[in-house]
Amino acid sequence: MNDTPEHVKQKQLEIWLSKPPEERLRLTLVMNDELYGFWNESKKNDAVAKMQNDKHKGDQPGEVPK
């Protein structure tokens, strides 16, 4: 996606670079940790949904799941 105007990107960069290097590193690590947590949780949810789907794949309409 590339819908952010160039002047906004420039301002975001300006704000980011105004922070001390330690703060930029800390924020990067925090954001990466949150991103990995999101993806891991998403993978777990996908695995559970797949297991539930596979469990009921052969069920006929109106049939009570086992």
PDB file of N, CA and C in Angstrom:
ATOM      1  N   MET A   1       0.841  -1.160   0.000  1.00  0.00           N
ATOM      2  CA  MET A   1       0.000   0.000   0.000  1.00  0.00           C
ATOM      3  C   MET A   1       0.900   1.242   0.000  1.00  0.00           C
ATOM      4  N   ASN A   2       0.533   2.194  -0.785  1.00  0.00           N
ATOM      5  CA  ASN A   2       1.352   3.388  -0.900  1.00  0.00           C
ATOM      6  C   ASN A   2       0.453   4.624  -0.945  1.00  0.00           C
ATOM      7  N   ASP A   3      -0.411   4.770   0.067  1.00  0.00           N
ATOM      8  CA  ASP A   3      -1.366   5.871   0.041  1.00  0.00           C
ATOM      9  C   ASP A   3      -1.000   7.015   0.987  1.00  0.00           C
ATOM     10  N   THR A   4       0.190   6.955   1.604  1.00  0.00           N
ATOM     11  CA  THR A   4       0.628   8.035   2.477  1.00  0.00           C
ATOM     12  C   THR A   4       1.302   9.120   1.635  1.00  0.00           C
ATOM     13  N   PRO A   5       0.821  10.355   1.728  1.00  0.00           N
ATOM     14  CA  PRO A   5       1.435  11.433   0.955  1.00  0.00           C
ATOM     15  C   PRO A   5       2.908  11.633   1.336  1.00  0.00           C
ATOM     16  N   GLU A   6       3.670  12.088   0.395  1.00  0.00           N
ATOM     17  CA  GLU A   6       5.115  12.255   0.600  1.00  0.00           C
ATOM     18  C   GLU A   6       5.420  13.234   1.728  1.00  0.00           C
ATOM     19  N   HIS A   7       4.658  14.326   1.841  1.00  0.00           N
ATOM     20  CA  HIS A   7       4.929  15.291   2.915  1.00  0.00           C
ATOM     21  C   HIS A   7       4.682  14.695   4.300  1.00  0.00           C
ATOM     22  N   VAL A   8       3.742  13.750   4.403  1.00  0.00           N
ATOM     23  CA  VAL A   8       3.482  13.071   5.678  1.00  0.00           C
ATOM     24  C   VAL A   8       4.631  12.115   5.991  1.00  0.00           C
ATOM     25  N   LYS A   9       5.085  11.379   4.988  1.00  0.00           N
ATOM     26  CA  LYS A   9       6.242  10.492   5.185  1.00  0.00           C
ATOM     27  C   LYS A   9       7.456  11.276   5.654  1.00  0.00           C
ATOM     28  N   GLN A  10       7.655  12.435   5.060  1.00  0.00           N
ATOM     29  CA  GLN A  10       8.792  13.271   5.431  1.00  0.00           C
ATOM     30  C   GLN A  10       8.679  13.739   6.885  1.00  0.00           C
ATOM     31  N   LYS A  11       7.488  14.115   7.294  1.00  0.00           N
ATOM     32  CA  LYS A  11       7.269  14.557   8.683  1.00  0.00           C
ATOM     33  C   LYS A  11       7.478  13.394   9.651  1.00  0.00           C
ATOM     34  N   GLN A  12       6.991  12.191   9.288  1.00  0.00           N
ATOM     35  CA  GLN A  12       7.194  11.015  10.133  1.00  0.00           C
ATOM     36  C   GLN A  12       8.680  10.730  10.309  1.00  0.00           C
ATOM     37  N   LEU A  13       9.430  10.830   9.229  1.00  0.00           N
ATOM     38  CA  LEU A  13      10.871  10.609   9.296  1.00  0.00           C
ATOM     39  C   LEU A  13      11.546  11.659  10.163  1.00  0.00           C
ATOM     40  N   GLU A  14      11.121  12.883   9.997  1.00  0.00           N
ATOM     41  CA  GLU A  14      11.674  13.986  10.789  1.00  0.00           C
ATOM     42  C   GLU A  14      11.445  13.743  12.287  1.00  0.00           C
ATOM     43  N   ILE A  15      10.236  13.338  12.642  1.00  0.00           N
ATOM     44  CA  ILE A  15       9.909  13.045  14.046  1.00  0.00           C
ATOM     45  C   ILE A  15      10.740  11.870  14.544  1.00  0.00           C
ATOM     46  N   TRP A  16      10.828  10.815  13.735  1.00  0.00           N
ATOM     47  CA  TRP A  16      11.585   9.626  14.123  1.00  0.00           C
ATOM     48  C   TRP A  16      13.055   9.969  14.364  1.00  0.00           C
ATOM     49  N   LEU A  17      13.645  10.731  13.464  1.00  0.00           N
ATOM     50  CA  LEU A  17      15.063  11.065  13.580  1.00  0.00           C
ATOM     51  C   LEU A  17      15.338  12.082  14.685  1.00  0.00           C
ATOM     52  N   SER A  18      14.310  12.772  15.160  1.00  0.00           N
ATOM     53  CA  SER A  18      14.494  13.721  16.261  1.00  0.00           C
ATOM     54  C   SER A  18      14.655  13.005  17.607  1.00  0.00           C
ATOM     55  N   LYS A  19      14.285  11.737  17.642  1.00  0.00           N
ATOM     56  CA  LYS A  19      14.421  10.958  18.877  1.00  0.00           C
ATOM     57  C   LYS A  19      15.874  10.504  19.035  1.00  0.00           C
ATOM     58  N   PRO A  20      16.326  10.374  20.281  1.00  0.00           N
ATOM     59  CA  PRO A  20      17.690   9.872  20.488  1.00  0.00           C
ATOM     60  C   PRO A  20      17.801   8.417  19.998  1.00  0.00           C
ATOM     61  N   PRO A  21      18.993   7.990  19.601  1.00  0.00           N
ATOM     62  CA  PRO A  21      19.175   6.619  19.096  1.00  0.00           C
ATOM     63  C   PRO A  21      18.690   5.543  20.072  1.00  0.00           C
ATOM     64  N   GLU A  22      18.884   5.781  21.364  1.00  0.00           N
ATOM     65  CA  GLU A  22      18.446   4.785  22.364  1.00  0.00           C
ATOM     66  C   GLU A  22      16.925   4.608  22.332  1.00  0.00           C
ATOM     67  N   GLU A  23      16.211   5.712  22.192  1.00  0.00           N
ATOM     68  CA  GLU A  23      14.754   5.663  22.141  1.00  0.00           C
ATOM     69  C   GLU A  23      14.281   4.982  20.861  1.00  0.00           C
ATOM     70  N   ARG A  24      14.941   5.265  19.754  1.00  0.00           N
ATOM     71  CA  ARG A  24      14.571   4.608  18.487  1.00  0.00           C
ATOM     72  C   ARG A  24      14.800   3.103  18.585  1.00  0.00           C
ATOM     73  N   LEU A  25      15.907   2.704  19.193  1.00  0.00           N
ATOM     74  CA  LEU A  25      16.185   1.275  19.364  1.00  0.00           C
ATOM     75  C   LEU A  25      15.138   0.628  20.266  1.00  0.00           C
ATOM     76  N   ARG A  26      14.839   1.289  21.393  1.00  0.00           N
ATOM     77  CA  ARG A  26      13.851   0.745  22.325  1.00  0.00           C
ATOM     78  C   ARG A  26      12.495   0.585  21.639  1.00  0.00           C
ATOM     79  N   LEU A  27      12.059   1.613  20.921  1.00  0.00           N
ATOM     80  CA  LEU A  27      10.770   1.544  20.228  1.00  0.00           C
ATOM     81  C   LEU A  27      10.751   0.449  19.164  1.00  0.00           C
ATOM     82  N   THR A  28      11.859   0.302  18.446  1.00  0.00           N
ATOM     83  CA  THR A  28      11.950  -0.748  17.429  1.00  0.00           C
ATOM     84  C   THR A  28      11.806  -2.121  18.069  1.00  0.00           C
ATOM     85  N   LEU A  29      12.497  -2.338  19.182  1.00  0.00           N
ATOM     86  CA  LEU A  29      12.419  -3.634  19.866  1.00  0.00           C
ATOM     87  C   LEU A  29      11.017  -3.900  20.406  1.00  0.00           C
ATOM     88  N   VAL A  30      10.391  -2.885  20.975  1.00  0.00           N
ATOM     89  CA  VAL A  30       9.028  -3.044  21.497  1.00  0.00           C
ATOM     90  C   VAL A  30       8.058  -3.366  20.363  1.00  0.00           C
ATOM     91  N   MET A  31       8.161  -2.612  19.266  1.00  0.00           N
ATOM     92  CA  MET A  31       7.249  -2.854  18.134  1.00  0.00           C
ATOM     93  C   MET A  31       7.476  -4.237  17.520  1.00  0.00           C
ATOM     94  N   ASN A  32       8.737  -4.661  17.412  1.00  0.00           N
ATOM     95  CA  ASN A  32       9.016  -5.992  16.877  1.00  0.00           C
ATOM     96  C   ASN A  32       8.447  -7.071  17.784  1.00  0.00           C
ATOM     97  N   ASP A  33       8.602  -6.897  19.098  1.00  0.00           N
ATOM     98  CA  ASP A  33       8.071  -7.862  20.053  1.00  0.00           C
ATOM     99  C   ASP A  33       6.552  -7.973  19.918  1.00  0.00           C
ATOM    100  N   GLU A  34       5.889  -6.825  19.799  1.00  0.00           N
ATOM    101  CA  GLU A  34       4.435  -6.833  19.635  1.00  0.00           C
ATOM    102  C   GLU A  34       4.025  -7.475  18.314  1.00  0.00           C
ATOM    103  N   LEU A  35       4.780  -7.218  17.262  1.00  0.00           N
ATOM    104  CA  LEU A  35       4.478  -7.813  15.964  1.00  0.00           C
ATOM    105  C   LEU A  35       4.614  -9.332  16.010  1.00  0.00           C
ATOM    106  N   TYR A  36       5.721  -9.824  16.596  1.00  0.00           N
ATOM    107  CA  TYR A  36       5.906 -11.269  16.713  1.00  0.00           C
ATOM    108  C   TYR A  36       4.814 -11.899  17.565  1.00  0.00           C
ATOM    109  N   GLY A  37       4.413 -11.224  18.636  1.00  0.00           N
ATOM    110  CA  GLY A  37       3.314 -11.730  19.464  1.00  0.00           C
ATOM    111  C   GLY A  37       2.026 -11.827  18.672  1.00  0.00           C
ATOM    112  N   PHE A  38       1.751 -10.809  17.865  1.00  0.00           N
ATOM    113  CA  PHE A  38       0.552 -10.814  17.020  1.00  0.00           C
ATOM    114  C   PHE A  38       0.577 -11.993  16.058  1.00  0.00           C
ATOM    115  N   TRP A  39       1.714 -12.181  15.358  1.00  0.00           N
ATOM    116  CA  TRP A  39       1.802 -13.266  14.380  1.00  0.00           C
ATOM    117  C   TRP A  39       1.698 -14.627  15.050  1.00  0.00           C
ATOM    118  N   ASN A  40       2.337 -14.803  16.207  1.00  0.00           N
ATOM    119  CA  ASN A  40       2.262 -16.086  16.912  1.00  0.00           C
ATOM    120  C   ASN A  40       0.832 -16.391  17.343  1.00  0.00           C
ATOM    121  N   GLU A  41       0.131 -15.373  17.852  1.00  0.00           N
ATOM    122  CA  GLU A  41      -1.262 -15.563  18.254  1.00  0.00           C
ATOM    123  C   GLU A  41      -2.125 -15.879  17.037  1.00  0.00           C
ATOM    124  N   SER A  42      -1.859 -15.213  15.938  1.00  0.00           N
ATOM    125  CA  SER A  42      -2.602 -15.456  14.706  1.00  0.00           C
ATOM    126  C   SER A  42      -2.396 -16.888  14.213  1.00  0.00           C
ATOM    127  N   LYS A  43      -1.152 -17.363  14.278  1.00  0.00           N
ATOM    128  CA  LYS A  43      -0.862 -18.739  13.854  1.00  0.00           C
ATOM    129  C   LYS A  43      -1.602 -19.738  14.728  1.00  0.00           C
ATOM    130  N   LYS A  44      -1.640 -19.475  16.052  1.00  0.00           N
ATOM    131  CA  LYS A  44      -2.364 -20.375  16.959  1.00  0.00           C
ATOM    132  C   LYS A  44      -3.839 -20.411  16.600  1.00  0.00           C
ATOM    133  N   ASN A  45      -4.416 -19.223  16.357  1.00  0.00           N
ATOM    134  CA  ASN A  45      -5.839 -19.153  16.018  1.00  0.00           C
ATOM    135  C   ASN A  45      -6.123 -19.859  14.695  1.00  0.00           C
ATOM    136  N   ASP A  46      -5.217 -19.720  13.724  1.00  0.00           N
ATOM    137  CA  ASP A  46      -5.382 -20.404  12.442  1.00  0.00           C
ATOM    138  C   ASP A  46      -5.326 -21.911  12.626  1.00  0.00           C
ATOM    139  N   ALA A  47      -4.412 -22.381  13.481  1.00  0.00           N
ATOM    140  CA  ALA A  47      -4.272 -23.822  13.714  1.00  0.00           C
ATOM    141  C   ALA A  47      -5.524 -24.375  14.380  1.00  0.00           C
ATOM    142  N   VAL A  48      -6.073 -23.649  15.346  1.00  0.00           N
ATOM    143  CA  VAL A  48      -7.295 -24.092  16.031  1.00  0.00           C
ATOM    144  C   VAL A  48      -8.456 -24.127  15.042  1.00  0.00           C
ATOM    145  N   ALA A  49      -8.588 -23.098  14.232  1.00  0.00           N
ATOM    146  CA  ALA A  49      -9.678 -23.049  13.247  1.00  0.00           C
ATOM    147  C   ALA A  49      -9.546 -24.192  12.241  1.00  0.00           C
ATOM    148  N   LYS A  50      -8.318 -24.486  11.816  1.00  0.00           N
ATOM    149  CA  LYS A  50      -8.101 -25.583  10.863  1.00  0.00           C
ATOM    150  C   LYS A  50      -8.476 -26.921  11.494  1.00  0.00           C
ATOM    151  N   MET A  51      -8.078 -27.110  12.766  1.00  0.00           N
ATOM    152  CA  MET A  51      -8.419 -28.364  13.447  1.00  0.00           C
ATOM    153  C   MET A  51      -9.932 -28.515  13.558  1.00  0.00           C
ATOM    154  N   GLN A  52     -10.624 -27.430  13.907  1.00  0.00           N
ATOM    155  CA  GLN A  52     -12.077 -27.489  14.018  1.00  0.00           C
ATOM    156  C   GLN A  52     -12.717 -27.744  12.663  1.00  0.00           C
ATOM    157  N   ASN A  53     -12.189 -27.129  11.617  1.00  0.00           N
ATOM    158  CA  ASN A  53     -12.709 -27.317  10.275  1.00  0.00           C
ATOM    159  C   ASN A  53     -12.494 -28.760   9.816  1.00  0.00           C
ATOM    160  N   ASP A  54     -11.281 -29.285  10.053  1.00  0.00           N
ATOM    161  CA  ASP A  54     -10.977 -30.662   9.668  1.00  0.00           C
ATOM    162  C   ASP A  54     -11.857 -31.652  10.429  1.00  0.00           C
ATOM    163  N   LYS A  55     -12.133 -31.355  11.679  1.00  0.00           N
ATOM    164  CA  LYS A  55     -12.944 -32.231  12.521  1.00  0.00           C
ATOM    165  C   LYS A  55     -14.364 -32.353  11.968  1.00  0.00           C
ATOM    166  N   HIS A  56     -14.871 -31.273  11.382  1.00  0.00           N
ATOM    167  CA  HIS A  56     -16.262 -31.261  10.907  1.00  0.00           C
ATOM    168  C   HIS A  56     -16.369 -31.356   9.388  1.00  0.00           C
ATOM    169  N   LYS A  57     -15.265 -31.614   8.723  1.00  0.00           N
ATOM    170  CA  LYS A  57     -15.250 -31.628   7.262  1.00  0.00           C
ATOM    171  C   LYS A  57     -16.223 -32.650   6.681  1.00  0.00           C
ATOM    172  N   GLY A  58     -16.300 -33.818   7.273  1.00  0.00           N
ATOM    173  CA  GLY A  58     -17.153 -34.884   6.739  1.00  0.00           C
ATOM    174  C   GLY A  58     -18.585 -34.823   7.210  1.00  0.00           C
ATOM    175  N   ASP A  59     -18.897 -33.889   8.100  1.00  0.00           N
ATOM    176  CA  ASP A  59     -20.262 -33.787   8.628  1.00  0.00           C
ATOM    177  C   ASP A  59     -21.238 -33.433   7.520  1.00  0.00           C
ATOM    178  N   GLN A  60     -22.389 -34.047   7.580  1.00  0.00           N
ATOM    179  CA  GLN A  60     -23.458 -33.759   6.632  1.00  0.00           C
ATOM    180  C   GLN A  60     -24.338 -32.657   7.223  1.00  0.00           C
ATOM    181  N   PRO A  61     -24.979 -31.857   6.398  1.00  0.00           N
ATOM    182  CA  PRO A  61     -25.896 -30.839   6.940  1.00  0.00           C
ATOM    183  C   PRO A  61     -26.938 -31.483   7.831  1.00  0.00           C
ATOM    184  N   GLY A  62     -27.132 -30.898   8.978  1.00  0.00           N
ATOM    185  CA  GLY A  62     -28.119 -31.426   9.917  1.00  0.00           C
ATOM    186  C   GLY A  62     -27.569 -32.505  10.828  1.00  0.00           C
ATOM    187  N   GLU A  63     -26.376 -33.009  10.534  1.00  0.00           N
ATOM    188  CA  GLU A  63     -25.775 -34.054  11.349  1.00  0.00           C
ATOM    189  C   GLU A  63     -25.171 -33.420  12.608  1.00  0.00           C
ATOM    190  N   VAL A  64     -25.311 -34.092  13.725  1.00  0.00           N
ATOM    191  CA  VAL A  64     -24.734 -33.609  14.977  1.00  0.00           C
ATOM    192  C   VAL A  64     -23.257 -33.926  14.996  1.00  0.00           C
ATOM    193  N   PRO A  65     -22.392 -32.916  15.205  1.00  0.00           N
ATOM    194  CA  PRO A  65     -20.944 -33.181  15.247  1.00  0.00           C
ATOM    195  C   PRO A  65     -20.595 -34.154  16.339  1.00  0.00           C
ATOM    196  N   LYS A  66     -19.579 -34.966  16.104  1.00  0.00           N
ATOM    197  CA  LYS A  66     -19.158 -35.975  17.072  1.00  0.00           C
ATOM    198  C   LYS A  66     -18.278 -35.380  18.116  1.00  0.00           C
TER     199      LYS A  66
END
